[in-house]
N, C-alpha and C. Protein backbone atom coordinates (compact mmCIF):
# COMPACT_ATOMS: atom_id res chain seq x y z
N MET A 1 -154.58 101.35 89.55
CA MET A 1 -153.94 101.09 90.85
C MET A 1 -154.01 99.59 91.18
N ASP A 2 -155.06 98.92 90.73
CA ASP A 2 -155.21 97.50 91.02
C ASP A 2 -154.07 96.71 90.39
N SER A 3 -153.73 97.05 89.15
CA SER A 3 -152.67 96.31 88.46
C SER A 3 -151.33 96.55 89.15
N MET A 4 -151.11 97.78 89.60
CA MET A 4 -149.86 98.09 90.29
C MET A 4 -149.79 97.33 91.61
N TYR A 5 -150.91 97.29 92.33
CA TYR A 5 -150.96 96.59 93.61
C TYR A 5 -150.70 95.10 93.40
N GLY A 6 -151.30 94.53 92.36
CA GLY A 6 -151.10 93.12 92.05
C GLY A 6 -149.64 92.84 91.72
N ARG A 7 -149.02 93.78 91.01
CA ARG A 7 -147.61 93.58 90.64
C ARG A 7 -146.73 93.59 91.89
N VAL A 8 -147.04 94.47 92.82
CA VAL A 8 -146.27 94.54 94.06
C VAL A 8 -146.41 93.23 94.84
N ILE A 9 -147.64 92.72 94.90
CA ILE A 9 -147.88 91.46 95.61
C ILE A 9 -147.09 90.34 94.95
N GLN A 10 -147.10 90.29 93.61
CA GLN A 10 -146.36 89.25 92.90
C GLN A 10 -144.87 89.35 93.20
N THR A 11 -144.35 90.56 93.24
CA THR A 11 -142.93 90.76 93.51
C THR A 11 -142.57 90.27 94.91
N ILE A 12 -143.43 90.60 95.88
CA ILE A 12 -143.18 90.18 97.27
C ILE A 12 -143.23 88.66 97.38
N LEU A 13 -144.24 88.04 96.76
CA LEU A 13 -144.37 86.59 96.82
C LEU A 13 -143.18 85.92 96.15
N TYR A 14 -142.73 86.50 95.03
CA TYR A 14 -141.58 85.95 94.31
C TYR A 14 -140.33 86.05 95.18
N TYR A 15 -140.16 87.18 95.86
CA TYR A 15 -139.00 87.39 96.72
C TYR A 15 -138.99 86.38 97.86
N ILE A 16 -140.15 86.17 98.49
CA ILE A 16 -140.27 85.21 99.58
C ILE A 16 -139.96 83.81 99.08
N HIS A 17 -140.47 83.48 97.89
CA HIS A 17 -140.24 82.16 97.31
C HIS A 17 -138.75 81.94 97.08
N GLN A 18 -138.06 82.94 96.56
CA GLN A 18 -136.63 82.83 96.32
C GLN A 18 -135.87 82.61 97.63
N MET A 19 -136.30 83.30 98.69
CA MET A 19 -135.66 83.14 99.99
C MET A 19 -135.85 81.71 100.50
N GLN A 20 -137.05 81.17 100.33
CA GLN A 20 -137.33 79.81 100.79
C GLN A 20 -136.51 78.80 100.00
N VAL A 21 -136.39 79.00 98.69
CA VAL A 21 -135.60 78.09 97.85
C VAL A 21 -134.14 78.15 98.27
N GLN A 22 -133.61 79.34 98.45
CA GLN A 22 -132.21 79.51 98.84
C GLN A 22 -131.96 78.85 100.19
N TYR A 23 -132.91 79.01 101.11
CA TYR A 23 -132.77 78.41 102.44
C TYR A 23 -132.75 76.90 102.33
N ALA A 24 -133.61 76.34 101.50
CA ALA A 24 -133.67 74.89 101.32
C ALA A 24 -132.36 74.37 100.73
N ILE A 25 -131.82 75.09 99.76
CA ILE A 25 -130.56 74.69 99.12
C ILE A 25 -129.42 74.74 100.15
N ASN A 26 -129.36 75.81 100.91
CA ASN A 26 -128.30 75.95 101.91
C ASN A 26 -128.44 74.87 102.98
N TYR A 27 -129.67 74.56 103.35
CA TYR A 27 -129.91 73.56 104.39
C TYR A 27 -129.48 72.18 103.91
N GLN A 28 -129.72 71.90 102.63
CA GLN A 28 -129.33 70.61 102.08
C GLN A 28 -127.82 70.51 101.94
N MET A 29 -127.18 71.64 101.62
CA MET A 29 -125.73 71.62 101.42
C MET A 29 -125.01 71.49 102.76
N VAL A 30 -125.53 72.15 103.79
CA VAL A 30 -124.90 72.09 105.11
C VAL A 30 -125.94 71.71 106.16
N PRO A 31 -126.37 70.45 106.15
CA PRO A 31 -127.44 69.99 107.04
C PRO A 31 -127.03 69.98 108.52
N PHE A 32 -125.73 70.00 108.79
CA PHE A 32 -125.28 69.92 110.17
C PHE A 32 -124.98 71.30 110.75
N VAL A 33 -125.12 72.32 109.93
CA VAL A 33 -124.88 73.68 110.41
C VAL A 33 -126.22 74.37 110.61
N VAL A 34 -126.50 74.74 111.85
CA VAL A 34 -127.80 75.36 112.13
C VAL A 34 -127.63 76.88 112.24
């Protein structure tokens, strides 16, 4: 169960990281659009 739990945490962290990267890219592309 520990390995499964760790995998879930990694997936969530990866998903959040992807969202942050996408947000940064969008913000840089359209800095005047809030």
